[in-house]
N, C-alpha and C. Protein backbone atom coordinates (compact mmCIF):
# COMPACT_ATOMS: atom_id res chain seq x y z
N UNK A 1 -29.17 27.40 -43.92
CA UNK A 1 -29.07 27.69 -42.68
C UNK A 1 -30.31 26.29 -41.51
N UNK A 2 -31.00 26.06 -42.71
CA UNK A 2 -31.57 24.91 -42.37
C UNK A 2 -30.64 23.51 -42.15
N UNK A 3 -29.79 23.61 -43.43
CA UNK A 3 -28.84 22.47 -43.64
C UNK A 3 -27.68 22.35 -42.35
N UNK A 4 -27.44 23.80 -41.95
CA UNK A 4 -26.09 23.46 -40.78
C UNK A 4 -26.78 23.14 -39.38
N UNK A 5 -28.09 23.12 -39.17
CA UNK A 5 -28.96 22.98 -38.15
C UNK A 5 -28.81 21.92 -37.88
N UNK A 6 -29.32 21.12 -38.85
CA UNK A 6 -29.41 19.56 -39.46
C UNK A 6 -28.11 18.93 -39.18
N UNK A 7 -27.48 19.30 -39.55
CA UNK A 7 -25.87 18.69 -39.56
C UNK A 7 -25.33 18.84 -38.31
N UNK A 8 -25.68 20.06 -37.52
CA UNK A 8 -25.19 20.06 -36.23
C UNK A 8 -26.21 19.00 -35.43
N UNK A 9 -27.37 18.93 -35.58
CA UNK A 9 -28.22 18.17 -34.95
C UNK A 9 -27.65 16.50 -34.87
N UNK A 10 -27.37 16.32 -35.94
CA UNK A 10 -26.64 14.76 -36.19
C UNK A 10 -25.29 15.12 -35.74
N UNK A 11 -24.43 15.64 -36.02
CA UNK A 11 -22.83 15.78 -35.41
C UNK A 11 -22.71 15.82 -33.95
N UNK A 12 -23.45 16.47 -33.48
CA UNK A 12 -23.73 16.48 -31.88
C UNK A 12 -23.69 15.36 -31.01
N UNK A 13 -24.50 14.66 -31.34
CA UNK A 13 -24.41 13.17 -30.69
C UNK A 13 -23.31 12.40 -31.02
N UNK A 14 -22.57 12.42 -32.01
CA UNK A 14 -21.90 11.45 -32.63
C UNK A 14 -20.56 12.04 -31.81
N UNK A 15 -20.30 13.14 -31.77
CA UNK A 15 -18.90 14.01 -31.12
C UNK A 15 -19.34 13.69 -29.69
N UNK A 16 -20.43 13.62 -28.70
CA UNK A 16 -20.28 13.29 -27.52
C UNK A 16 -20.14 11.49 -27.30
N UNK A 17 -20.71 11.12 -28.58
CA UNK A 17 -20.47 9.34 -28.34
C UNK A 17 -18.84 8.96 -28.45
N UNK A 18 -18.25 9.84 -29.19
CA UNK A 18 -16.58 9.59 -29.20
C UNK A 18 -15.79 9.84 -28.57
N UNK A 19 -16.22 10.86 -27.85
CA UNK A 19 -15.65 11.57 -26.27
C UNK A 19 -15.98 10.69 -25.06
N UNK A 20 -17.20 10.21 -25.11
CA UNK A 20 -17.02 9.27 -23.98
C UNK A 20 -16.82 7.66 -24.58
N UNK A 21 -16.36 7.48 -25.31
CA UNK A 21 -15.85 6.32 -25.93
C UNK A 21 -14.35 6.47 -25.73
N UNK A 22 -13.63 7.75 -26.38
CA UNK A 22 -12.39 7.58 -25.90
C UNK A 22 -12.02 7.90 -24.12
N UNK A 23 -12.92 8.17 -23.80
CA UNK A 23 -12.25 8.69 -22.14
C UNK A 23 -12.69 7.03 -21.53
N UNK A 24 -13.44 6.48 -22.09
CA UNK A 24 -13.89 4.80 -21.37
C UNK A 24 -12.33 4.02 -21.64
N UNK A 25 -11.96 4.03 -23.11
CA UNK A 25 -10.91 3.79 -23.49
C UNK A 25 -9.69 3.94 -22.49
N UNK A 26 -9.53 5.16 -22.11
CA UNK A 26 -8.37 5.64 -21.28
C UNK A 26 -8.35 5.28 -20.39
N UNK A 27 -9.37 5.11 -19.75
CA UNK A 27 -9.98 4.67 -18.19
C UNK A 27 -9.50 3.10 -18.15
N UNK A 28 -9.94 2.18 -19.17
CA UNK A 28 -9.81 0.88 -19.24
C UNK A 28 -8.34 0.43 -19.59
N UNK A 29 -7.15 1.70 -20.19
CA UNK A 29 -5.95 1.65 -19.85
C UNK A 29 -5.42 1.75 -19.08
N UNK A 30 -6.05 2.62 -17.79
CA UNK A 30 -5.21 3.12 -16.84
C UNK A 30 -5.72 2.27 -15.79
N UNK A 31 -6.91 1.76 -15.98
CA UNK A 31 -7.04 0.39 -14.92
C UNK A 31 -6.35 -0.92 -15.52
N UNK A 32 -5.99 -1.07 -16.78
CA UNK A 32 -4.88 -2.30 -17.12
C UNK A 32 -3.97 -2.16 -16.74
N UNK A 33 -3.24 -0.86 -16.46
CA UNK A 33 -1.86 -0.62 -16.01
C UNK A 33 -1.73 -0.38 -14.60
N UNK A 34 -2.49 -0.20 -13.99
CA UNK A 34 -2.85 -0.40 -12.38
C UNK A 34 -2.62 -2.07 -12.03
N UNK A 35 -3.35 -2.62 -12.94
CA UNK A 35 -3.39 -4.38 -12.33
C UNK A 35 -2.07 -4.93 -12.75
N UNK A 36 -1.74 -4.46 -13.80
CA UNK A 36 -0.57 -4.87 -14.00
C UNK A 36 0.63 -4.43 -13.33
N UNK A 37 0.98 -3.45 -12.72
CA UNK A 37 1.78 -2.76 -12.16
C UNK A 37 1.70 -3.73 -10.28
N UNK A 38 0.21 -3.95 -10.15
CA UNK A 38 -0.18 -4.49 -8.84
C UNK A 38 0.44 -5.85 -8.90
N UNK A 39 0.61 -6.58 -10.04
CA UNK A 39 0.97 -7.86 -10.25
C UNK A 39 2.99 -7.96 -10.38
N UNK A 40 3.61 -6.50 -10.15
CA UNK A 40 4.77 -6.76 -10.21
C UNK A 40 5.57 -6.58 -8.61
N UNK A 41 6.39 -7.21 -8.53
CA UNK A 41 7.26 -7.55 -6.96
C UNK A 41 8.07 -5.76 -6.50
N UNK A 42 7.55 -5.54 -5.66
CA UNK A 42 8.03 -4.10 -5.04
C UNK A 42 8.72 -4.36 -3.74
N UNK A 43 9.37 -3.25 -3.35
CA UNK A 43 9.56 -3.35 -1.93
C UNK A 43 8.93 -1.81 -1.43
N UNK A 44 8.61 -1.65 -0.15
CA UNK A 44 7.97 -0.50 0.62
C UNK A 44 8.57 0.21 1.35
N UNK A 45 9.10 1.24 1.08
CA UNK A 45 9.51 2.30 1.33
C UNK A 45 8.86 3.20 3.08
N UNK A 46 9.41 3.77 3.82
CA UNK A 46 8.56 4.25 4.99
C UNK A 46 8.74 5.58 5.02
N UNK A 47 7.51 6.49 5.53
CA UNK A 47 7.72 7.72 5.50
C UNK A 47 6.26 8.21 6.93
N UNK A 48 7.24 9.03 7.65
CA UNK A 48 6.12 9.47 8.72
C UNK A 48 5.40 10.35 8.09
N UNK A 49 3.81 10.76 8.40
CA UNK A 49 2.74 11.39 7.64
C UNK A 49 3.68 12.80 8.26
N UNK A 50 3.01 13.74 7.21
CA UNK A 50 3.12 15.19 7.60
C UNK A 50 2.73 15.72 8.94
N UNK A 51 1.88 15.47 9.27
CA UNK A 51 1.13 15.17 10.54
C UNK A 51 2.10 15.01 11.66
N UNK A 52 2.99 14.30 11.98
CA UNK A 52 4.07 13.69 12.50
C UNK A 52 5.30 15.21 13.02
N UNK A 53 5.78 14.88 13.73
CA UNK A 53 6.87 16.29 14.34
C UNK A 53 7.80 16.05 13.69
N UNK A 54 8.82 17.02 13.32
CA UNK A 54 9.91 16.73 12.52
C UNK A 54 10.78 15.82 13.03
N UNK A 55 11.16 15.72 14.54
CA UNK A 55 12.04 14.79 14.92
C UNK A 55 11.38 13.20 14.86
N UNK A 56 9.94 13.04 14.69
CA UNK A 56 9.64 11.57 14.29
C UNK A 56 9.93 11.38 12.74
N UNK A 57 9.60 12.47 11.73
CA UNK A 57 9.81 12.18 10.49
C UNK A 57 11.48 12.06 10.47
N UNK A 58 12.31 12.80 11.17
CA UNK A 58 13.96 12.33 10.98
C UNK A 58 14.04 10.99 11.64
N UNK A 59 13.48 10.81 12.67
CA UNK A 59 13.83 9.54 13.16
C UNK A 59 13.38 8.20 11.98
N UNK A 60 12.11 8.18 11.59
CA UNK A 60 11.95 6.97 10.48
C UNK A 60 12.08 7.19 8.95
N UNK A 61 13.38 8.54 8.79
CA UNK A 61 13.48 8.72 7.45
C UNK A 61 14.58 7.52 6.80
N UNK A 62 14.11 7.08 5.27
CA UNK A 62 15.16 5.93 5.10
C UNK A 62 14.93 4.53 5.61
N UNK A 63 13.86 4.71 6.41
CA UNK A 63 13.45 2.98 7.04
C UNK A 63 12.37 2.43 5.64
N UNK A 64 12.75 0.93 5.70
CA UNK A 64 12.14 0.65 4.75
C UNK A 64 11.24 -0.65 5.65
N UNK A 65 10.17 -1.60 4.83
CA UNK A 65 9.77 -2.28 5.67
C UNK A 65 10.55 -4.09 5.43
N UNK A 66 10.51 -5.04 6.37
CA UNK A 66 10.94 -5.79 6.29
C UNK A 66 10.06 -6.96 6.85
N UNK A 67 10.57 -8.20 6.81
CA UNK A 67 9.88 -9.20 7.58
C UNK A 67 10.94 -9.95 8.31
N UNK A 68 10.27 -10.29 9.26
CA UNK A 68 11.08 -11.11 10.68
C UNK A 68 10.34 -11.94 11.48
N UNK A 69 10.38 -13.03 11.73
CA UNK A 69 9.76 -13.62 12.57
C UNK A 69 7.87 -13.63 12.89
N UNK A 70 7.83 -13.58 11.53
CA UNK A 70 6.31 -13.70 11.41
C UNK A 70 5.55 -12.41 10.92
N UNK A 71 6.49 -11.07 11.24
CA UNK A 71 5.76 -9.81 11.30
C UNK A 71 6.26 -9.08 10.50
N UNK A 72 6.04 -7.65 10.53
CA UNK A 72 6.58 -6.55 9.26
C UNK A 72 6.98 -5.59 10.37
N UNK A 73 8.25 -5.29 10.04
CA UNK A 73 8.87 -4.26 11.16
C UNK A 73 9.44 -3.22 10.21
N UNK A 74 10.27 -2.22 10.59
CA UNK A 74 11.06 -1.17 10.07
C UNK A 74 12.39 -1.36 9.95
N UNK A 75 13.15 -1.35 9.15
CA UNK A 75 14.32 -1.27 9.45
C UNK A 75 15.48 -0.75 8.25
N UNK A 76 16.65 -0.52 8.56
CA UNK A 76 17.70 0.57 7.77
C UNK A 76 17.88 -0.54 6.40
N UNK A 77 17.87 0.19 5.36
CA UNK A 77 17.91 -0.80 3.97
C UNK A 77 19.20 -1.53 3.75
N UNK A 78 20.31 -1.06 4.72
CA UNK A 78 21.65 -1.74 4.72
C UNK A 78 21.86 -2.91 5.64
N UNK A 79 20.38 -3.10 6.57
CA UNK A 79 20.48 -3.87 7.52
C UNK A 79 20.36 -5.43 6.78
N UNK A 80 21.73 -6.25 6.56
CA UNK A 80 21.97 -7.24 5.68
C UNK A 80 20.72 -8.48 6.43
N UNK A 81 20.79 -8.56 7.58
CA UNK A 81 19.95 -9.48 8.31
C UNK A 81 18.86 -9.60 8.13
N UNK A 82 18.04 -8.52 7.40
CA UNK A 82 16.84 -8.61 7.37
C UNK A 82 16.20 -8.87 5.89
N UNK A 83 15.07 -9.32 5.84
CA UNK A 83 14.72 -9.64 4.92
C UNK A 83 13.71 -8.37 4.22
N UNK A 84 14.12 -7.79 2.94
CA UNK A 84 12.91 -6.97 2.59
C UNK A 84 11.87 -7.34 2.32
N UNK A 85 10.29 -6.53 2.36
CA UNK A 85 9.45 -7.01 2.05
C UNK A 85 9.50 -6.80 0.46
N UNK A 86 9.07 -7.91 -0.16
CA UNK A 86 9.20 -8.21 -1.64
C UNK A 86 8.09 -8.91 -2.23
N UNK A 87 7.05 -7.75 -2.29
CA UNK A 87 6.06 -8.53 -2.48
C UNK A 87 4.75 -8.01 -3.85
N UNK A 88 4.00 -8.41 -3.73
CA UNK A 88 2.79 -7.97 -4.81
C UNK A 88 1.50 -8.47 -4.08
N UNK A 89 0.30 -8.15 -5.31
CA UNK A 89 -0.98 -8.36 -5.24
C UNK A 89 -1.53 -9.51 -5.74
N UNK A 90 -2.32 -10.11 -4.80
CA UNK A 90 -2.92 -11.22 -5.55
C UNK A 90 -4.58 -11.40 -5.15
N UNK A 91 -5.22 -11.85 -5.94
CA UNK A 91 -7.01 -12.08 -5.29
C UNK A 91 -6.62 -13.13 -3.99
N UNK A 92 -7.15 -12.62 -3.11
CA UNK A 92 -7.15 -13.02 -1.75
C UNK A 92 -8.09 -14.39 -1.92
N UNK A 93 -7.65 -15.82 -1.64
CA UNK A 93 -8.85 -17.33 -1.80
C UNK A 93 -9.85 -17.03 -1.35
N UNK A 94 -11.03 -16.98 -2.23
CA UNK A 94 -12.97 -17.44 -1.65
C UNK A 94 -13.36 -16.23 -1.62
N UNK A 95 -12.60 -14.89 -2.16
CA UNK A 95 -12.78 -13.39 -1.59
C UNK A 95 -13.12 -12.71 -3.65
N UNK A 96 -13.71 -11.52 -3.32
CA UNK A 96 -13.52 -10.83 -4.44
C UNK A 96 -12.60 -9.61 -4.31
N UNK A 97 -11.80 -9.54 -3.23
CA UNK A 97 -10.73 -8.60 -3.49
C UNK A 97 -9.25 -9.25 -3.62
N UNK A 98 -8.19 -8.22 -3.71
CA UNK A 98 -6.87 -8.43 -3.48
C UNK A 98 -6.24 -8.22 -2.41
N UNK A 99 -5.91 -9.60 -1.96
CA UNK A 99 -4.41 -9.37 -0.99
C UNK A 99 -3.33 -8.98 -1.30
N UNK A 100 -2.56 -9.02 0.05
CA UNK A 100 -0.85 -8.99 -0.65
C UNK A 100 -0.09 -10.21 0.19
N UNK A 101 1.12 -10.39 -1.14
CA UNK A 101 1.99 -11.22 -0.71
C UNK A 101 3.27 -10.89 -0.52
N UNK A 102 4.10 -11.67 0.17
CA UNK A 102 5.66 -11.09 0.23
C UNK A 102 6.54 -12.38 0.35
N UNK A 103 7.86 -12.29 -0.55
CA UNK A 103 8.74 -13.29 0.12
C UNK A 103 8.80 -13.31 1.50
N UNK A 104 9.37 -14.22 1.98
CA UNK A 104 10.09 -14.12 3.45
C UNK A 104 11.63 -14.79 3.68
N UNK A 105 11.98 -15.02 2.30
CA UNK A 105 13.70 -15.48 2.15
C UNK A 105 13.90 -15.08 1.10
N UNK A 106 15.36 -15.67 0.57
CA UNK A 106 16.08 -15.93 -0.48
C UNK A 106 15.59 -16.53 -1.53
N UNK A 107 14.97 -17.99 -1.24
CA UNK A 107 14.23 -18.82 -1.77
C UNK A 107 12.51 -18.56 -2.19
N UNK A 108 12.35 -17.38 -1.85
CA UNK A 108 11.06 -16.81 -2.53
C UNK A 108 10.15 -17.47 -2.06
N UNK A 109 9.93 -17.98 -0.88
CA UNK A 109 8.69 -18.83 -0.49
C UNK A 109 7.93 -17.58 0.17
N UNK A 110 6.33 -17.49 -0.45
CA UNK A 110 5.58 -16.91 -0.24
C UNK A 110 4.51 -16.57 1.06
N UNK A 111 4.41 -15.43 1.33
CA UNK A 111 3.45 -15.85 2.40
C UNK A 111 2.03 -14.64 2.25
N UNK A 112 1.55 -14.30 3.09
CA UNK A 112 0.32 -13.51 3.25
C UNK A 112 0.79 -12.50 4.02
N UNK A 113 -0.11 -11.22 3.73
CA UNK A 113 0.10 -10.40 4.73
C UNK A 113 -1.44 -9.99 5.32
N UNK A 114 -1.36 -10.13 6.58
CA UNK A 114 -2.54 -9.73 7.14
C UNK A 114 -2.84 -8.93 8.29
N UNK A 115 -3.27 -8.53 8.82
CA UNK A 115 -3.89 -7.81 10.13
C UNK A 115 -4.19 -8.16 11.15
N UNK A 116 -3.46 -8.77 12.33
CA UNK A 116 -4.02 -9.47 13.20
C UNK A 116 -5.19 -8.75 13.93
N UNK A 117 -6.11 -9.46 13.89
CA UNK A 117 -7.62 -9.02 14.52
C UNK A 117 -7.63 -8.40 16.04
N UNK A 118 -6.48 -9.03 16.85
CA UNK A 118 -6.45 -8.55 18.04
C UNK A 118 -5.63 -7.64 18.33
N UNK A 119 -4.35 -7.70 17.61
CA UNK A 119 -3.60 -6.68 18.38
C UNK A 119 -3.08 -5.58 17.17
N UNK A 120 -3.70 -5.56 15.95
CA UNK A 120 -3.96 -4.79 14.88
C UNK A 120 -2.50 -4.75 14.11
N UNK A 121 -1.47 -5.96 14.44
CA UNK A 121 0.08 -5.87 14.02
C UNK A 121 -0.52 -6.47 12.27
N UNK A 122 0.51 -6.15 11.84
CA UNK A 122 0.76 -6.47 10.12
C UNK A 122 1.84 -7.75 10.35
N UNK A 123 1.36 -8.66 10.11
CA UNK A 123 1.97 -10.10 10.12
C UNK A 123 1.91 -10.99 8.70
N UNK A 124 2.57 -11.81 8.58
CA UNK A 124 2.92 -12.67 7.62
C UNK A 124 2.75 -13.78 8.06
N UNK A 125 1.95 -14.82 6.82
CA UNK A 125 1.70 -16.39 7.16
C UNK A 125 1.47 -16.88 5.90
N UNK A 126 0.99 -18.08 6.29
CA UNK A 126 0.21 -18.98 5.33
C UNK A 126 -1.25 -18.72 5.33
N UNK A 127 -2.00 -19.21 4.38
CA UNK A 127 -3.23 -19.01 3.55
C UNK A 127 -3.97 -19.47 5.12
N UNK A 128 -3.90 -20.39 5.67
CA UNK A 128 -4.28 -21.06 7.25
C UNK A 128 -4.00 -20.13 8.09
N UNK A 129 -3.15 -19.08 8.21
CA UNK A 129 -2.50 -18.52 9.28
C UNK A 129 -3.41 -16.88 8.94
N UNK A 130 -3.39 -16.57 7.60
CA UNK A 130 -4.16 -15.30 7.39
C UNK A 130 -5.60 -15.25 7.31
N UNK A 131 -6.21 -16.49 6.60
CA UNK A 131 -7.87 -16.44 6.44
C UNK A 131 -8.76 -15.90 7.75
N UNK A 132 -8.47 -16.18 9.03
CA UNK A 132 -9.31 -15.86 10.14
C UNK A 132 -9.14 -14.19 10.30
N UNK A 133 -8.28 -13.53 9.70
CA UNK A 133 -7.47 -12.51 10.08
C UNK A 133 -8.12 -11.21 9.12
N UNK A 134 -7.92 -10.17 9.00
CA UNK A 134 -8.05 -8.89 8.17
C UNK A 134 -6.87 -9.34 7.30
N UNK A 135 -7.34 -9.63 5.68
CA UNK A 135 -6.76 -9.40 4.48
C UNK A 135 -7.02 -8.72 3.46
N UNK A 136 -7.81 -7.74 3.57
CA UNK A 136 -8.13 -7.08 2.43
C UNK A 136 -9.81 -6.39 2.37
N UNK A 137 -9.58 -5.59 1.43
CA UNK A 137 -9.10 -5.43 -0.04
C UNK A 137 -7.41 -4.20 0.64
N UNK A 138 -6.40 -4.98 -0.19
CA UNK A 138 -5.55 -4.18 -0.37
C UNK A 138 -5.24 -3.73 -1.51
N UNK A 139 -4.74 -2.06 -1.85
CA UNK A 139 -4.59 -1.82 -2.98
C UNK A 139 -3.49 -0.69 -2.90
N UNK A 140 -3.41 0.30 -4.02
CA UNK A 140 -2.27 0.94 -4.41
C UNK A 140 -3.17 2.46 -4.41
N UNK A 141 -2.79 3.73 -3.88
CA UNK A 141 -3.66 4.95 -4.03
C UNK A 141 -2.43 5.44 -4.73
N UNK A 142 -2.76 6.21 -5.86
CA UNK A 142 -2.18 6.73 -6.92
C UNK A 142 -2.49 8.54 -6.27
N UNK A 143 -0.99 9.17 -5.64
CA UNK A 143 -0.92 10.45 -5.38
C UNK A 143 -0.40 11.58 -6.54
N UNK A 144 -1.41 12.24 -6.06
CA UNK A 144 -0.27 13.60 -7.20
C UNK A 144 0.75 13.98 -7.60
N UNK A 145 1.80 13.24 -6.77
CA UNK A 145 3.14 13.47 -6.98
C UNK A 145 3.55 12.19 -7.69
N UNK A 146 2.77 11.56 -7.91
CA UNK A 146 3.45 10.27 -8.78
C UNK A 146 3.42 9.05 -8.12
N UNK A 147 3.51 9.37 -6.83
CA UNK A 147 3.75 7.87 -5.84
C UNK A 147 2.63 6.97 -6.05
N UNK A 148 3.09 5.75 -5.49
CA UNK A 148 1.62 4.80 -5.11
C UNK A 148 2.10 4.51 -3.58
N UNK A 149 0.70 4.52 -3.26
CA UNK A 149 0.98 4.45 -1.25
C UNK A 149 -0.07 3.00 -1.24
N UNK A 150 0.30 2.00 -0.04
CA UNK A 150 -0.16 1.05 0.18
C UNK A 150 -1.44 1.38 0.81
N UNK A 151 -2.78 0.86 0.68
CA UNK A 151 -4.21 1.03 1.34
C UNK A 151 -4.70 -0.03 1.74
N UNK A 152 -5.51 0.02 2.98
CA UNK A 152 -6.25 -1.29 3.43
C UNK A 152 -7.93 -0.53 3.42
N UNK A 153 -8.55 -1.65 2.77
CA UNK A 153 -9.98 -0.90 2.65
C UNK A 153 -10.07 0.52 2.26
N UNK A 154 -9.16 0.90 1.76
CA UNK A 154 -9.25 2.31 1.02
C UNK A 154 -8.95 3.59 1.66
N UNK A 155 -7.85 2.96 2.90
CA UNK A 155 -7.36 4.01 4.18
C UNK A 155 -6.26 3.92 3.99
N UNK A 156 -5.19 4.92 4.33
CA UNK A 156 -4.14 4.72 4.84
C UNK A 156 -3.86 4.88 6.31
N UNK A 157 -4.46 3.95 7.13
CA UNK A 157 -4.05 3.85 8.35
C UNK A 157 -3.01 3.39 8.87
N UNK A 158 -1.80 3.18 8.22
CA UNK A 158 -0.62 2.44 8.92
C UNK A 158 -0.07 3.25 10.08
N UNK A 159 0.14 2.70 10.80
CA UNK A 159 1.37 3.44 11.75
C UNK A 159 2.40 2.48 12.37
N UNK A 160 3.24 3.22 13.05
CA UNK A 160 4.50 2.45 13.35
C UNK A 160 4.70 2.53 14.92
N UNK A 161 4.84 1.25 15.41
CA UNK A 161 4.87 1.78 16.98
C UNK A 161 6.21 1.26 17.40
N UNK A 162 6.79 1.84 18.04
CA UNK A 162 8.13 1.90 18.84
C UNK A 162 8.22 1.09 20.12
N UNK A 163 8.57 -0.47 19.88
CA UNK A 163 8.21 -1.45 20.63
C UNK A 163 9.30 -1.64 21.64
N UNK A 164 10.68 -1.00 21.39
CA UNK A 164 11.46 -1.15 22.16
C UNK A 164 12.81 0.16 21.41
N UNK A 165 13.52 0.53 22.16
CA UNK A 165 14.13 1.44 21.56
C UNK A 165 15.00 1.46 20.05
N UNK A 166 14.67 2.27 19.15
CA UNK A 166 14.84 1.95 17.97
C UNK A 166 14.47 0.66 17.30
N UNK A 167 13.40 -0.01 17.69
CA UNK A 167 12.72 -1.25 17.57
C UNK A 167 11.15 -0.62 17.00
N UNK A 168 11.13 -0.59 15.66
CA UNK A 168 9.56 -0.37 15.40
C UNK A 168 8.58 -1.25 14.57
N UNK A 169 7.46 -1.46 14.75
CA UNK A 169 6.64 -2.84 14.30
C UNK A 169 5.79 -1.81 13.42
N UNK A 170 5.08 -2.71 12.75
CA UNK A 170 3.96 -1.87 11.55
C UNK A 170 2.87 -2.50 11.99
N UNK A 171 1.47 -1.40 12.66
CA UNK A 171 0.33 -1.77 12.73
C UNK A 171 -1.18 -0.79 11.80
N UNK A 172 -1.83 -1.19 12.10
CA UNK A 172 -3.00 -1.09 11.27
C UNK A 172 -3.98 -0.08 12.51
N UNK A 173 -3.97 1.18 12.28
CA UNK A 173 -4.98 1.94 13.38
C UNK A 173 -6.40 1.60 12.79
N UNK A 174 -7.28 0.45 13.21
CA UNK A 174 -8.33 0.00 12.69
C UNK A 174 -9.31 0.88 13.12
N UNK A 175 -9.37 1.38 14.30
CA UNK A 175 -10.44 1.89 15.04
C UNK A 175 -10.20 3.43 14.77
N UNK A 176 -9.07 3.99 14.03
CA UNK A 176 -8.58 5.30 13.87
C UNK A 176 -8.89 5.99 15.10
N UNK A 177 -8.01 5.54 16.04
CA UNK A 177 -7.82 6.17 17.54
C UNK A 177 -6.50 5.98 18.30
N UNK A 178 -5.56 6.12 17.21
CA UNK A 178 -4.14 6.40 17.81
C UNK A 178 -3.65 5.13 18.50
N UNK A 179 -4.47 3.42 18.51
CA UNK A 179 -4.36 2.35 18.95
C UNK A 179 -4.64 2.65 20.64
N UNK A 180 -5.52 3.44 21.00
CA UNK A 180 -5.75 3.95 21.88
C UNK A 180 -5.49 2.64 22.81
N UNK A 181 -6.20 1.72 22.91
CA UNK A 181 -6.27 0.39 23.94
C UNK A 181 -5.08 -0.70 23.67
N UNK A 182 -4.23 -0.16 22.62
CA UNK A 182 -2.99 -0.93 22.19
C UNK A 182 -1.53 -0.72 22.43
N UNK A 183 -1.55 0.74 22.42
CA UNK A 183 -0.15 1.08 22.74
C UNK A 183 0.17 1.12 24.04
N UNK A 184 -0.24 1.12 25.00
CA UNK A 184 0.63 0.91 26.33
C UNK A 184 1.67 1.31 26.29
N UNK A 185 1.59 2.80 26.21
CA UNK A 185 2.65 4.11 26.47
C UNK A 185 3.73 4.28 25.71
N UNK A 186 3.65 3.30 24.41
CA UNK A 186 4.49 3.15 23.48
C UNK A 186 4.35 4.46 22.43
N UNK A 187 5.42 4.61 21.62
CA UNK A 187 4.92 5.99 20.87
C UNK A 187 4.48 5.29 19.53
N UNK A 188 3.47 6.06 19.27
CA UNK A 188 2.64 5.49 17.82
C UNK A 188 2.76 6.64 16.85
N UNK A 189 3.18 6.30 15.60
CA UNK A 189 3.57 7.34 14.68
C UNK A 189 2.57 7.12 13.33
N UNK A 190 1.91 7.94 12.64
CA UNK A 190 1.32 7.85 11.56
C UNK A 190 2.54 7.93 10.14
N UNK A 191 2.36 6.61 9.50
CA UNK A 191 3.18 6.38 8.38
C UNK A 191 2.65 6.11 6.82
N UNK A 192 3.19 6.81 6.02
CA UNK A 192 2.75 6.16 4.38
C UNK A 192 3.76 5.20 4.00
N UNK A 193 3.15 4.03 3.38
CA UNK A 193 4.08 2.91 2.66
C UNK A 193 4.41 3.42 1.38
N UNK A 194 5.27 3.23 0.94
CA UNK A 194 5.29 4.09 -0.79
C UNK A 194 5.97 2.57 -1.28
N UNK A 195 5.18 2.32 -2.43
CA UNK A 195 5.90 1.48 -2.70
C UNK A 195 7.10 1.76 -4.34
N UNK A 196 8.09 0.89 -3.93
CA UNK A 196 9.02 1.34 -4.86
C UNK A 196 9.78 -0.06 -5.76
N UNK A 197 10.01 0.13 -6.96
CA UNK A 197 10.88 -0.88 -7.72
C UNK A 197 11.83 -1.42 -7.20
N UNK A 198 11.76 -2.33 -7.51
CA UNK A 198 12.91 -3.65 -7.09
C UNK A 198 14.35 -3.01 -7.18
N UNK A 199 14.33 -2.21 -8.51
CA UNK A 199 15.78 -1.73 -8.80
C UNK A 199 15.63 -0.11 -8.27
N UNK A 200 14.86 0.28 -7.41
CA UNK A 200 14.79 1.52 -7.21
C UNK A 200 15.51 1.97 -5.88
N UNK A 201 15.90 2.87 -5.50
CA UNK A 201 16.53 3.18 -4.17
C UNK A 201 15.32 3.32 -3.32
N UNK A 202 15.44 3.30 -1.82
CA UNK A 202 14.23 3.09 -0.90
C UNK A 202 14.14 4.21 -0.31
N UNK A 203 14.41 5.42 -0.49
CA UNK A 203 14.46 6.27 0.40
C UNK A 203 13.29 7.06 -0.18
N UNK A 204 12.21 7.50 0.28
CA UNK A 204 11.01 8.21 -0.33
C UNK A 204 11.42 9.72 0.12
N UNK A 205 11.19 10.36 -1.04
CA UNK A 205 11.09 12.01 -0.98
C UNK A 205 10.31 12.72 0.48
N UNK A 206 11.04 13.29 0.76
CA UNK A 206 9.92 14.36 1.81
C UNK A 206 8.74 15.04 1.54
N UNK A 207 7.51 14.80 2.30
CA UNK A 207 6.69 15.45 1.98
C UNK A 207 6.34 17.26 2.31
């Protein structure tokens, strides 16, 4: 009996230590896998958030993010005239966080993605363009259904603004007020930006 108590006293800390080590190793593998995924090019599919009306969800169904004229817009994936967002995460220069880059043409010329500090529009440009603006941290949120969705400063605050009939542009709701001072009577729709592999179709599943 005494021996059993001594054995238990010795093995219990060892088991606890072993369990902690296995947990740490699993977390490290998960973090490493996330970092590797973030360095791979992807497209971004768009879906109106579940809080939006059925009409809005249907209107934005099957849209993808494209780059055009220095801005990030929504478009039909079959629209051949637009260059799809084709990006990945990189450390933003002189910071401690990841930013987001995208190709802007078929020659794979890269631009940084940023949020304009005045208009809150999502734009793309050179490092000099991006540096005075909001550049990160950009990250991916792992959802329960396995989706990975874009976040800025740990928040999904992205919205689509209908700037003209069927022309939607991406913004970030910096003050969480529905762009109250920016919308100027335009429709504003909360959206989710879903990471898609390059060989995946761009149609997100309905929530």
